[in-house]
Amino acid sequence: MSKEKKSLSAKQYLSQLEFIDEQINQDLERLEQMKADAYSTGGIDYSRERVQTSPVGDKLCSDVSRYIAFNEQINAEIDRFVDAKEQIIREIRELHNIYYVQILFKVYVQFKSLKAASQEMKRSYNFVLDVHKKALAAFEETHENLTYLC
């Protein structure tokens, strides 16, 4: 199955940052679990007769190797996230309307709600809601053929 470039709405396109951020946070949680698992080497049952032993070091080495590889993968994801964030910030700023830029930045880069954005801007919620819709339309008009970042 080939991965085609699908055209997205401005809202879908801009919302990708929060989605990528959430994936990174989940991976960081998984990394912490891997670290905890590597630290717990388990116990040895001395009550049973030993027939064959497998060295604990092999499992520990394997766990550490997986941890390091996953950590490098997460760092690469973070690098892609930072690049995508910078791209989206540049694209938002190309709108050259202070209200559009403020609202889109607060909602899609800082992951704030429209209500929080309206409070910070000291504007009514209805004003921010209306400007948000106009800003998304202007973004789509300015940036055609929006596709997935990663």
C-alpha atoms as a PDB file:
ATOM      1  CA  MET A   1       0.000   0.000   0.000  1.00  0.00           C
ATOM      2  CA  SER A   2       1.578   3.285  -1.084  1.00  0.00           C
ATOM      3  CA  LYS A   3       1.424   6.329   1.118  1.00  0.00           C
ATOM      4  CA  GLU A   4      -0.277   9.058  -0.894  1.00  0.00           C
ATOM      5  CA  LYS A   5      -0.069  12.733  -0.047  1.00  0.00           C
ATOM      6  CA  LYS A   6      -3.532  13.618   1.226  1.00  0.00           C
ATOM      7  CA  SER A   7      -4.631  17.242   1.245  1.00  0.00           C
ATOM      8  CA  LEU A   8      -5.662  18.329   4.740  1.00  0.00           C
ATOM      9  CA  SER A   9      -7.764  21.148   6.125  1.00  0.00           C
ATOM     10  CA  ALA A  10      -5.884  23.885   7.965  1.00  0.00           C
ATOM     11  CA  LYS A  11      -7.209  22.581  11.293  1.00  0.00           C
ATOM     12  CA  GLN A  12      -6.055  19.016  10.540  1.00  0.00           C
ATOM     13  CA  TYR A  13      -2.681  20.262   9.348  1.00  0.00           C
ATOM     14  CA  LEU A  14      -2.059  22.503  12.365  1.00  0.00           C
ATOM     15  CA  SER A  15      -3.352  19.889  14.832  1.00  0.00           C
ATOM     16  CA  GLN A  16      -0.551  17.528  13.830  1.00  0.00           C
ATOM     17  CA  LEU A  17       1.825  19.174  16.319  1.00  0.00           C
ATOM     18  CA  GLU A  18      -0.275  18.184  19.304  1.00  0.00           C
ATOM     19  CA  PHE A  19      -0.644  14.654  17.931  1.00  0.00           C
ATOM     20  CA  ILE A  20       3.128  14.296  17.440  1.00  0.00           C
ATOM     21  CA  ASP A  21       3.739  15.751  20.918  1.00  0.00           C
ATOM     22  CA  GLU A  22       1.374  13.185  22.442  1.00  0.00           C
ATOM     23  CA  GLN A  23       3.130  10.335  20.625  1.00  0.00           C
ATOM     24  CA  ILE A  24       6.507  11.509  21.959  1.00  0.00           C
ATOM     25  CA  ASN A  25       5.114  11.706  25.496  1.00  0.00           C
ATOM     26  CA  GLN A  26       3.768   8.159  25.197  1.00  0.00           C
ATOM     27  CA  ASP A  27       7.136   6.935  23.922  1.00  0.00           C
ATOM     28  CA  LEU A  28       8.898   8.649  26.840  1.00  0.00           C
ATOM     29  CA  GLU A  29       6.571   6.799  29.226  1.00  0.00           C
ATOM     30  CA  ARG A  30       7.412   3.532  27.467  1.00  0.00           C
ATOM     31  CA  LEU A  31      11.121   4.370  27.754  1.00  0.00           C
ATOM     32  CA  GLU A  32      10.765   4.887  31.501  1.00  0.00           C
ATOM     33  CA  GLN A  33       9.022   1.509  31.764  1.00  0.00           C
ATOM     34  CA  MET A  34      11.852  -0.123  29.814  1.00  0.00           C
ATOM     35  CA  LYS A  35      14.329   1.465  32.219  1.00  0.00           C
ATOM     36  CA  ALA A  36      12.399   0.161  35.220  1.00  0.00           C
ATOM     37  CA  ASP A  37      12.213  -3.307  33.654  1.00  0.00           C
ATOM     38  CA  ALA A  38      15.967  -3.319  33.047  1.00  0.00           C
ATOM     39  CA  TYR A  39      16.635  -2.412  36.680  1.00  0.00           C
ATOM     40  CA  SER A  40      14.533  -5.298  37.976  1.00  0.00           C
ATOM     41  CA  THR A  41      16.729  -8.264  37.149  1.00  0.00           C
ATOM     42  CA  GLY A  42      14.558 -10.681  39.085  1.00  0.00           C
ATOM     43  CA  GLY A  43      15.488 -13.049  41.860  1.00  0.00           C
ATOM     44  CA  ILE A  44      17.162 -16.424  41.971  1.00  0.00           C
ATOM     45  CA  ASP A  45      15.335 -19.424  43.390  1.00  0.00           C
ATOM     46  CA  TYR A  46      17.968 -21.274  45.467  1.00  0.00           C
ATOM     47  CA  SER A  47      15.492 -23.892  46.708  1.00  0.00           C
ATOM     48  CA  ARG A  48      15.464 -25.742  43.388  1.00  0.00           C
ATOM     49  CA  GLU A  49      18.280 -27.816  42.001  1.00  0.00           C
ATOM     50  CA  ARG A  50      20.279 -25.989  39.365  1.00  0.00           C
ATOM     51  CA  VAL A  51      20.388 -27.789  36.072  1.00  0.00           C
ATOM     52  CA  GLN A  52      21.249 -25.033  33.669  1.00  0.00           C
ATOM     53  CA  THR A  53      21.613 -21.318  34.209  1.00  0.00           C
ATOM     54  CA  SER A  54      21.292 -18.462  31.857  1.00  0.00           C
ATOM     55  CA  PRO A  55      23.388 -15.485  32.692  1.00  0.00           C
ATOM     56  CA  VAL A  56      21.455 -12.453  33.912  1.00  0.00           C
ATOM     57  CA  GLY A  57      23.994 -10.271  32.121  1.00  0.00           C
ATOM     58  CA  ASP A  58      22.712 -11.369  28.713  1.00  0.00           C
ATOM     59  CA  LYS A  59      19.181 -10.204  29.516  1.00  0.00           C
ATOM     60  CA  LEU A  60      20.481  -6.998  31.040  1.00  0.00           C
ATOM     61  CA  CYS A  61      22.677  -6.336  28.006  1.00  0.00           C
ATOM     62  CA  SER A  62      19.726  -6.976  25.704  1.00  0.00           C
ATOM     63  CA  ASP A  63      17.465  -4.692  27.754  1.00  0.00           C
ATOM     64  CA  VAL A  64      20.063  -1.909  27.745  1.00  0.00           C
ATOM     65  CA  SER A  65      20.562  -2.260  23.984  1.00  0.00           C
ATOM     66  CA  ARG A  66      16.806  -2.001  23.359  1.00  0.00           C
ATOM     67  CA  TYR A  67      16.627   0.993  25.712  1.00  0.00           C
ATOM     68  CA  ILE A  68      19.439   2.820  23.909  1.00  0.00           C
ATOM     69  CA  ALA A  69      17.956   2.109  20.459  1.00  0.00           C
ATOM     70  CA  PHE A  70      14.503   3.290  21.552  1.00  0.00           C
ATOM     71  CA  ASN A  71      16.010   6.390  23.177  1.00  0.00           C
ATOM     72  CA  GLU A  72      17.741   7.246  19.876  1.00  0.00           C
ATOM     73  CA  GLN A  73      14.446   6.738  18.037  1.00  0.00           C
ATOM     74  CA  ILE A  74      12.706   9.136  20.444  1.00  0.00           C
ATOM     75  CA  ASN A  75      15.454  11.728  19.962  1.00  0.00           C
ATOM     76  CA  ALA A  76      14.913  11.505  16.192  1.00  0.00           C
ATOM     77  CA  GLU A  77      11.148  11.963  16.746  1.00  0.00           C
ATOM     78  CA  ILE A  78      11.841  15.031  18.882  1.00  0.00           C
ATOM     79  CA  ASP A  79      14.068  16.468  16.151  1.00  0.00           C
ATOM     80  CA  ARG A  80      11.281  15.958  13.581  1.00  0.00           C
ATOM     81  CA  PHE A  81       8.787  17.552  15.997  1.00  0.00           C
ATOM     82  CA  VAL A  82      11.000  20.622  16.459  1.00  0.00           C
ATOM     83  CA  ASP A  83      11.404  20.973  12.682  1.00  0.00           C
ATOM     84  CA  ALA A  84       7.631  20.631  12.150  1.00  0.00           C
ATOM     85  CA  LYS A  85       6.943  23.156  14.901  1.00  0.00           C
ATOM     86  CA  GLU A  86       9.305  25.699  13.350  1.00  0.00           C
ATOM     87  CA  GLN A  87       7.693  25.156   9.940  1.00  0.00           C
ATOM     88  CA  ILE A  88       4.199  25.692  11.312  1.00  0.00           C
ATOM     89  CA  ILE A  89       5.264  28.812  13.220  1.00  0.00           C
ATOM     90  CA  ARG A  90       6.753  30.277  10.017  1.00  0.00           C
ATOM     91  CA  GLU A  91       3.587  29.436   8.087  1.00  0.00           C
ATOM     92  CA  ILE A  92       1.316  30.970  10.737  1.00  0.00           C
ATOM     93  CA  ARG A  93       3.365  34.173  10.722  1.00  0.00           C
ATOM     94  CA  GLU A  94       2.954  34.455   6.951  1.00  0.00           C
ATOM     95  CA  LEU A  95      -0.688  35.435   7.545  1.00  0.00           C
ATOM     96  CA  HIS A  96       0.397  38.967   8.590  1.00  0.00           C
ATOM     97  CA  ASN A  97      -2.677  39.526  10.746  1.00  0.00           C
ATOM     98  CA  ILE A  98      -1.882  39.934  14.440  1.00  0.00           C
ATOM     99  CA  TYR A  99      -5.125  38.322  15.643  1.00  0.00           C
ATOM    100  CA  TYR A 100      -4.801  35.374  13.265  1.00  0.00           C
ATOM    101  CA  VAL A 101      -1.214  34.798  14.311  1.00  0.00           C
ATOM    102  CA  GLN A 102      -1.979  35.112  18.040  1.00  0.00           C
ATOM    103  CA  ILE A 103      -4.915  32.734  17.980  1.00  0.00           C
ATOM    104  CA  LEU A 104      -3.369  30.088  15.739  1.00  0.00           C
ATOM    105  CA  PHE A 105      -0.135  30.184  17.749  1.00  0.00           C
ATOM    106  CA  LYS A 106      -1.900  29.828  21.101  1.00  0.00           C
ATOM    107  CA  VAL A 107      -4.190  27.037  19.914  1.00  0.00           C
ATOM    108  CA  TYR A 108      -1.945  24.985  17.624  1.00  0.00           C
ATOM    109  CA  VAL A 109       1.581  25.637  18.911  1.00  0.00           C
ATOM    110  CA  GLN A 110       0.950  26.126  22.630  1.00  0.00           C
ATOM    111  CA  PHE A 111      -2.018  23.683  22.647  1.00  0.00           C
ATOM    112  CA  LYS A 112      -4.355  26.064  24.475  1.00  0.00           C
ATOM    113  CA  SER A 113      -8.118  26.063  24.190  1.00  0.00           C
ATOM    114  CA  LEU A 114      -9.982  28.888  22.472  1.00  0.00           C
ATOM    115  CA  LYS A 115     -11.358  29.864  25.870  1.00  0.00           C
ATOM    116  CA  ALA A 116      -7.857  30.144  27.347  1.00  0.00           C
ATOM    117  CA  ALA A 117      -6.712  32.101  24.280  1.00  0.00           C
ATOM    118  CA  SER A 118      -9.619  34.532  24.658  1.00  0.00           C
ATOM    119  CA  GLN A 119      -8.780  35.088  28.327  1.00  0.00           C
ATOM    120  CA  GLU A 120      -5.090  35.679  27.585  1.00  0.00           C
ATOM    121  CA  MET A 121      -5.926  38.067  24.748  1.00  0.00           C
ATOM    122  CA  LYS A 122      -8.525  39.813  26.923  1.00  0.00           C
ATOM    123  CA  ARG A 123     -11.109  39.355  24.174  1.00  0.00           C
ATOM    124  CA  SER A 124     -14.535  37.771  24.237  1.00  0.00           C
ATOM    125  CA  TYR A 125     -14.812  34.076  23.465  1.00  0.00           C
ATOM    126  CA  ASN A 126     -17.137  34.832  20.525  1.00  0.00           C
ATOM    127  CA  PHE A 127     -14.600  37.256  19.052  1.00  0.00           C
ATOM    128  CA  VAL A 128     -11.826  34.642  19.304  1.00  0.00           C
ATOM    129  CA  LEU A 129     -14.089  31.924  17.881  1.00  0.00           C
ATOM    130  CA  ASP A 130     -14.960  34.099  14.895  1.00  0.00           C
ATOM    131  CA  VAL A 131     -11.348  35.163  14.280  1.00  0.00           C
ATOM    132  CA  HIS A 132     -10.215  31.533  14.642  1.00  0.00           C
ATOM    133  CA  LYS A 133     -12.541  30.473  11.809  1.00  0.00           C
ATOM    134  CA  LYS A 134     -11.307  33.334   9.637  1.00  0.00           C
ATOM    135  CA  ALA A 135      -7.689  32.543  10.482  1.00  0.00           C
ATOM    136  CA  LEU A 136      -8.122  28.898   9.444  1.00  0.00           C
ATOM    137  CA  ALA A 137      -9.709  29.998   6.155  1.00  0.00           C
ATOM    138  CA  ALA A 138      -6.868  32.464   5.544  1.00  0.00           C
ATOM    139  CA  PHE A 139      -4.310  29.759   6.360  1.00  0.00           C
ATOM    140  CA  GLU A 140      -5.862  27.391   3.818  1.00  0.00           C
ATOM    141  CA  GLU A 141      -5.953  30.154   1.228  1.00  0.00           C
ATOM    142  CA  THR A 142      -2.311  31.081   1.846  1.00  0.00           C
ATOM    143  CA  HIS A 143      -1.009  27.511   2.069  1.00  0.00           C
ATOM    144  CA  GLU A 144      -2.497  25.209  -0.526  1.00  0.00           C
ATOM    145  CA  ASN A 145      -2.082  21.425  -0.628  1.00  0.00           C
ATOM    146  CA  LEU A 146      -1.512  20.927   3.098  1.00  0.00           C
ATOM    147  CA  THR A 147      -0.189  17.407   3.807  1.00  0.00           C
ATOM    148  CA  TYR A 148       1.014  15.338   6.741  1.00  0.00           C
ATOM    149  CA  LEU A 149       4.299  16.566   8.210  1.00  0.00           C
ATOM    150  CA  CYS A 150       5.669  13.195   9.305  1.00  0.00           C
END
